[in-house]
Amino acid sequence: MRRILVIKLGALGDFIQAFGPFAAIRAHWPGAEITLLTTAPFKDLAQASPYFDHVQIDKRPRWSNLRGVLALRKQLLGYDLVIDLQTSGRSTGYFHLAGQKCWSGIARNGLYRHDNPYRDAMHSIARQRDQLARLGVPESGILDLDWLKKTKLEIDGPYAVLVPGAAPHRPAKRWPVRHYAELGRYLRAQGLTIVVAGTKVEQPLAAEIVMQVPDALDLTGKTDLLALGGVFARAALAVGNDTGPMHLAALTGCPSLVLFSAESNPRLTAPNGVRPGQIRILAVNDLRHLDVSRVAACLNWGH
């Protein structure tokens, strides 16, 4: 295999959970020229990683956009092997667009089809591990993530990161921000600086926390993914909803508490840490009824 294309489009949590498979593919074919096809938000993160020689951006054209589809087809051609780690209906359509039989994914006629009938009941990491096993690719073992931890922001003293956001179209995945503000006051009283992380659209959530914890540091919309990785890597702990940044926190080794509602199943999507006991999951049917004292009781990492 001289030229390999890996497809992983997102979302953020799914992309981060593919770091193990990325590393395994690179370790198995150290001399291959490996290209990643992904979406624009993950370009810088992928280019900073040691896993790929090239990063291509999928503009996700509509199937009715002939010019865009032809450009996409050109991106898919010329490889000895394509590994579709997205395994969505759209990425499976790329199999037909490319006309490439040497394909790992769920495409029916792919040479390395992942046909495990229980794949949809498997955690993302286990599912990808099983998919790569069909190619003879073993697990990568312990990941070297020093490249992800290099960015340093000056934050005084030990600090806790709060991640109050989640997908805007799934509000039931969010613990009420007033509870995050109360938790912030509790952690500040324990001697921790409070840092709020998230995207630009989540700045109103951070503003409400800062009203209750005036010296909190609002980083919403102010860090790229690499910088955010550095923030998590040096944090005493992180608390957040089931959302992409918490997967990043888990991967950096940050002690993390992740809050789940009935909107998602932690058995299938929970962040995966790097050591036993690092990740704790608190799952309730309705996050509106989750008391701050119960969350605080789970934060007994010695801080």
Protein backbone atom coordinates (compact mmCIF):
# COMPACT_ATOMS: atom_id res chain seq x y z
CA MET A 1 0.00 0.00 0.00
CA ARG A 2 1.86 3.05 -1.25
CA ARG A 3 -0.99 5.58 -1.22
CA ILE A 4 -3.79 5.45 1.36
CA LEU A 5 -6.81 7.73 1.77
CA VAL A 6 -8.52 7.97 5.17
CA ILE A 7 -12.00 9.51 5.35
CA LYS A 8 -13.15 11.11 8.61
CA LEU A 9 -15.45 14.11 8.32
CA GLY A 10 -16.63 14.82 11.89
CA ALA A 11 -18.22 15.81 14.24
CA LEU A 12 -15.56 16.89 16.75
CA GLY A 13 -16.07 14.07 19.26
CA ASP A 14 -16.10 11.47 16.50
CA PHE A 15 -12.99 12.97 14.95
CA ILE A 16 -11.09 12.89 18.23
CA GLN A 17 -12.13 9.31 18.89
CA ALA A 18 -10.48 8.39 15.60
CA PHE A 19 -7.00 9.42 16.81
CA GLY A 20 -6.30 5.84 17.89
CA PRO A 21 -7.21 4.45 14.46
CA PHE A 22 -5.23 7.24 12.78
CA ALA A 23 -2.15 6.26 14.79
CA ALA A 24 -2.73 2.56 14.11
CA ILE A 25 -2.91 3.14 10.36
CA ARG A 26 0.29 5.19 10.38
CA ALA A 27 2.11 2.58 12.50
CA HIS A 28 0.97 -0.27 10.25
CA TRP A 29 2.05 1.45 7.04
CA PRO A 30 4.93 3.70 8.15
CA GLY A 31 6.26 4.17 4.63
CA ALA A 32 2.94 4.88 2.94
CA GLU A 33 1.78 8.28 1.73
CA ILE A 34 -1.35 8.81 3.80
CA THR A 35 -3.94 11.47 3.02
CA LEU A 36 -6.88 12.47 5.20
CA LEU A 37 -10.14 13.67 3.69
CA THR A 38 -11.96 15.72 6.32
CA THR A 39 -13.95 18.92 6.78
CA ALA A 40 -12.54 22.40 7.29
CA PRO A 41 -12.89 22.66 11.10
CA PHE A 42 -10.40 19.82 11.60
CA LYS A 43 -7.78 20.83 9.06
CA ASP A 44 -5.33 22.49 11.46
CA LEU A 45 -5.65 19.72 14.03
CA ALA A 46 -5.02 17.05 11.40
CA GLN A 47 -2.05 18.90 9.92
CA ALA A 48 -0.45 19.29 13.34
CA SER A 49 -0.77 15.56 14.02
CA PRO A 50 1.93 13.05 12.99
CA TYR A 51 -0.53 10.77 11.22
CA PHE A 52 -0.89 12.26 7.74
CA ASP A 53 1.27 13.43 4.87
CA HIS A 54 -1.56 15.43 3.31
CA VAL A 55 -4.92 16.80 4.40
CA GLN A 56 -7.70 17.35 1.85
CA ILE A 57 -10.90 19.28 2.58
CA ASP A 58 -14.23 17.79 1.65
CA LYS A 59 -16.53 20.66 0.70
CA ARG A 60 -19.49 18.27 0.87
CA PRO A 61 -21.13 19.37 -2.39
CA ARG A 62 -24.76 18.52 -2.99
CA TRP A 63 -25.17 15.49 -5.22
CA SER A 64 -26.98 17.78 -7.68
CA ASN A 65 -23.87 19.99 -7.93
CA LEU A 66 -22.16 18.28 -10.86
CA ARG A 67 -19.03 20.42 -10.79
CA GLY A 68 -18.60 19.93 -7.05
CA VAL A 69 -19.17 16.18 -7.29
CA LEU A 70 -16.61 15.86 -10.08
CA ALA A 71 -14.07 17.77 -7.97
CA LEU A 72 -14.81 15.44 -5.05
CA ARG A 73 -14.38 12.40 -7.30
CA LYS A 74 -10.96 13.67 -8.29
CA GLN A 75 -10.02 13.82 -4.59
CA LEU A 76 -10.99 10.15 -4.19
CA LEU A 77 -8.97 8.77 -7.11
CA GLY A 78 -5.43 7.43 -7.27
CA TYR A 79 -5.19 5.47 -4.02
CA ASP A 80 -4.23 1.86 -3.37
CA LEU A 81 -6.62 1.72 -0.40
CA VAL A 82 -9.42 3.89 0.98
CA ILE A 83 -10.31 3.56 4.68
CA ASP A 84 -13.71 5.10 5.39
CA LEU A 85 -13.81 5.72 9.14
CA GLN A 86 -16.88 7.92 8.77
CA THR A 87 -19.05 5.00 7.60
CA SER A 88 -22.07 7.23 7.02
CA GLY A 89 -24.53 7.07 4.17
CA ARG A 90 -22.75 9.98 2.52
CA SER A 91 -19.22 8.60 2.82
CA THR A 92 -20.45 5.22 1.58
CA GLY A 93 -21.71 7.06 -1.49
CA TYR A 94 -18.08 8.04 -2.08
CA PHE A 95 -17.35 4.34 -2.67
CA HIS A 96 -19.60 4.40 -5.72
CA LEU A 97 -18.24 7.77 -6.81
CA ALA A 98 -14.64 6.56 -6.66
CA GLY A 99 -15.18 3.15 -8.21
CA GLN A 100 -12.51 1.85 -5.83
CA LYS A 101 -12.89 -1.81 -4.76
CA CYS A 102 -10.00 -1.75 -2.28
CA TRP A 103 -12.20 -0.05 0.29
CA SER A 104 -12.62 -0.45 4.05
CA GLY A 105 -16.01 0.64 5.30
CA ILE A 106 -19.63 -0.45 5.11
CA ALA A 107 -19.99 -0.29 1.32
CA ARG A 108 -21.55 -3.59 0.28
CA ASN A 109 -19.04 -4.41 -2.43
CA GLY A 110 -15.94 -3.09 -0.71
CA LEU A 111 -13.09 -5.58 -0.45
CA TYR A 112 -12.73 -5.03 3.33
CA ARG A 113 -16.36 -4.49 4.25
CA HIS A 114 -17.09 -4.08 7.95
CA ASP A 115 -20.06 -6.40 8.08
CA ASN A 116 -20.23 -7.01 11.84
CA PRO A 117 -24.02 -7.22 12.48
CA TYR A 118 -23.53 -5.64 15.92
CA ARG A 119 -21.54 -2.62 14.75
CA ASP A 120 -24.32 -0.17 15.56
CA ALA A 121 -24.38 -1.40 19.16
CA MET A 122 -20.63 -0.93 19.62
CA HIS A 123 -18.84 2.05 21.12
CA SER A 124 -17.25 4.18 18.39
CA ILE A 125 -13.74 3.14 19.43
CA ALA A 126 -14.55 -0.58 19.51
CA ARG A 127 -16.32 -0.32 16.16
CA GLN A 128 -13.35 1.33 14.47
CA ARG A 129 -10.95 -1.16 16.08
CA ASP A 130 -13.05 -4.02 14.69
CA GLN A 131 -13.16 -2.38 11.27
CA LEU A 132 -9.37 -2.03 11.10
CA ALA A 133 -8.93 -5.63 12.25
CA ARG A 134 -10.44 -6.67 8.89
CA LEU A 135 -7.39 -4.99 7.33
CA GLY A 136 -4.98 -6.71 9.69
CA VAL A 137 -4.27 -3.42 11.47
CA PRO A 138 -3.63 -3.89 15.22
CA GLU A 139 -4.37 -1.33 17.92
CA SER A 140 -1.85 1.46 18.23
CA GLY A 141 -1.29 1.05 21.97
CA ILE A 142 -0.50 4.15 24.04
CA LEU A 143 -0.90 7.32 22.00
CA ASP A 144 1.88 9.90 21.99
CA LEU A 145 -0.05 13.14 22.21
CA ASP A 146 2.73 15.59 23.03
CA TRP A 147 1.96 17.37 19.76
CA LEU A 148 -1.53 18.13 21.09
CA LYS A 149 -0.31 19.57 24.37
CA LYS A 150 2.26 22.08 23.15
CA THR A 151 0.15 25.23 23.09
CA LYS A 152 0.37 27.07 26.41
CA LEU A 153 -1.93 29.85 27.58
CA GLU A 154 -0.95 31.71 30.73
CA ILE A 155 -3.55 30.76 33.34
CA ASP A 156 -2.73 31.52 36.95
CA GLY A 157 -2.85 28.76 39.54
CA PRO A 158 -4.60 25.40 39.33
CA TYR A 159 -7.75 25.71 37.27
CA ALA A 160 -10.94 23.87 36.32
CA VAL A 161 -12.47 24.02 32.84
CA LEU A 162 -16.25 24.23 32.46
CA VAL A 163 -17.84 23.30 29.12
CA PRO A 164 -21.49 24.44 29.36
CA GLY A 165 -22.38 24.14 25.68
CA ALA A 166 -23.51 21.36 23.37
CA ALA A 167 -25.12 21.04 19.95
CA PRO A 168 -27.58 23.96 19.63
CA HIS A 169 -30.22 21.72 18.04
CA ARG A 170 -30.13 19.36 21.04
CA PRO A 171 -30.77 21.56 24.09
CA ALA A 172 -31.64 18.56 26.28
CA LYS A 173 -27.92 17.66 26.26
CA ARG A 174 -27.15 20.83 28.25
CA TRP A 175 -27.03 21.06 32.03
CA PRO A 176 -28.60 24.46 32.85
CA VAL A 177 -26.01 27.21 32.78
CA ARG A 178 -27.14 28.56 36.16
CA HIS A 179 -25.97 25.24 37.62
CA TYR A 180 -22.58 25.65 35.94
CA ALA A 181 -22.36 29.11 37.52
CA GLU A 182 -23.13 27.66 40.96
CA LEU A 183 -20.59 24.88 40.40
CA GLY A 184 -18.07 27.53 39.35
CA ARG A 185 -18.57 29.35 42.66
CA TYR A 186 -18.08 26.08 44.53
CA LEU A 187 -14.86 25.24 42.69
CA ARG A 188 -13.56 28.78 43.10
CA ALA A 189 -14.04 28.41 46.84
CA GLN A 190 -11.88 25.28 46.63
CA GLY A 191 -9.03 27.40 45.29
CA LEU A 192 -9.43 26.68 41.57
CA THR A 193 -9.44 29.34 38.87
CA ILE A 194 -12.48 28.90 36.61
CA VAL A 195 -12.01 28.68 32.83
CA VAL A 196 -15.00 28.49 30.47
CA ALA A 197 -14.43 26.82 27.09
CA GLY A 198 -16.60 26.55 24.01
CA THR A 199 -17.39 28.07 20.65
CA LYS A 200 -18.22 31.68 19.86
CA VAL A 201 -21.98 31.00 19.87
CA GLU A 202 -21.63 29.82 23.48
CA GLN A 203 -20.30 33.15 24.74
CA PRO A 204 -23.68 34.07 26.32
CA LEU A 205 -23.38 30.94 28.48
CA ALA A 206 -19.89 31.98 29.56
CA ALA A 207 -21.12 35.51 30.30
CA GLU A 208 -23.71 34.14 32.74
CA ILE A 209 -21.02 32.13 34.53
CA VAL A 210 -18.70 35.15 34.68
CA MET A 211 -21.50 37.18 36.29
CA GLN A 212 -21.43 34.70 39.18
CA VAL A 213 -17.65 34.15 39.15
CA PRO A 214 -16.21 37.56 38.17
CA ASP A 215 -12.60 36.43 37.88
CA ALA A 216 -13.44 33.46 35.63
CA LEU A 217 -11.55 33.34 32.34
CA ASP A 218 -13.85 33.23 29.30
CA LEU A 219 -12.16 31.39 26.41
CA THR A 220 -15.30 30.74 24.37
CA GLY A 221 -14.55 31.45 20.72
CA LYS A 222 -10.97 32.46 21.55
CA THR A 223 -9.05 29.21 21.06
CA ASP A 224 -8.55 26.87 18.17
CA LEU A 225 -8.60 23.13 18.84
CA LEU A 226 -4.83 22.91 19.32
CA ALA A 227 -4.82 25.70 21.90
CA LEU A 228 -7.81 24.14 23.63
CA GLY A 229 -5.92 20.84 23.83
CA GLY A 230 -3.13 22.65 25.65
CA VAL A 231 -5.63 24.20 28.07
CA PHE A 232 -7.14 20.83 28.95
CA ALA A 233 -3.73 19.17 29.26
CA ARG A 234 -2.80 21.48 32.15
CA ALA A 235 -6.18 21.64 33.89
CA ALA A 236 -6.85 20.16 37.32
CA LEU A 237 -10.21 18.92 36.07
CA ALA A 238 -12.95 19.53 33.51
CA VAL A 239 -16.74 19.34 33.78
CA GLY A 240 -18.97 19.46 30.74
CA ASN A 241 -21.88 18.11 28.77
CA ASP A 242 -21.68 15.33 26.22
CA THR A 243 -19.98 17.46 23.57
CA GLY A 244 -16.85 17.45 21.42
CA PRO A 245 -14.47 19.42 23.69
CA MET A 246 -14.92 16.85 26.47
CA HIS A 247 -13.50 14.19 24.15
CA LEU A 248 -10.49 16.44 23.68
CA ALA A 249 -10.16 16.84 27.45
CA ALA A 250 -10.29 13.07 27.87
CA LEU A 251 -7.58 12.46 25.31
CA THR A 252 -5.17 14.91 26.95
CA GLY A 253 -5.42 13.07 30.27
CA CYS A 254 -7.46 15.73 32.06
CA PRO A 255 -9.61 14.33 34.92
CA SER A 256 -13.08 14.83 33.50
CA LEU A 257 -16.70 14.53 34.56
CA VAL A 258 -19.11 14.26 31.62
CA LEU A 259 -22.85 14.84 32.05
CA PHE A 260 -25.25 12.77 29.96
CA SER A 261 -29.00 13.04 29.52
CA ALA A 262 -31.32 10.52 27.88
CA GLU A 263 -30.48 12.27 24.58
CA SER A 264 -27.37 10.11 24.12
CA ASN A 265 -26.02 6.79 25.31
CA PRO A 266 -22.64 6.83 27.10
CA ARG A 267 -22.20 3.13 26.30
CA LEU A 268 -21.83 4.15 22.67
CA THR A 269 -20.32 7.62 22.77
CA ALA A 270 -18.64 8.32 26.13
CA PRO A 271 -15.21 9.99 25.95
CA ASN A 272 -12.31 7.61 26.28
CA GLY A 273 -9.49 8.55 28.64
CA VAL A 274 -5.86 7.50 28.77
CA ARG A 275 -5.82 5.90 32.23
CA PRO A 276 -8.26 4.14 34.58
CA GLY A 277 -10.48 6.40 36.64
CA GLN A 278 -9.69 9.54 34.65
CA ILE A 279 -13.17 9.83 33.11
CA ARG A 280 -16.34 9.80 35.15
CA ILE A 281 -19.82 9.69 33.68
CA LEU A 282 -22.93 11.04 35.38
CA ALA A 283 -26.04 10.04 33.45
CA VAL A 284 -29.60 11.13 34.26
CA ASN A 285 -32.75 11.19 32.17
CA ASP A 286 -33.22 14.95 32.42
CA LEU A 287 -30.28 17.24 33.17
CA ARG A 288 -32.64 19.95 34.43
CA HIS A 289 -33.18 17.81 37.50
CA LEU A 290 -29.49 17.17 38.22
CA ASP A 291 -28.54 18.96 41.42
CA VAL A 292 -25.25 20.83 41.75
CA SER A 293 -24.44 19.02 44.99
CA ARG A 294 -24.55 15.67 43.18
CA VAL A 295 -22.12 16.92 40.54
CA ALA A 296 -19.82 18.40 43.15
CA ALA A 297 -19.80 15.10 45.03
CA CYS A 298 -18.32 13.41 41.95
CA LEU A 299 -15.35 15.80 41.88
CA ASN A 300 -13.16 14.10 44.44
CA TRP A 301 -9.86 13.97 42.55
CA GLY A 302 -8.25 15.69 45.54
CA HIS A 303 -9.07 19.28 44.55
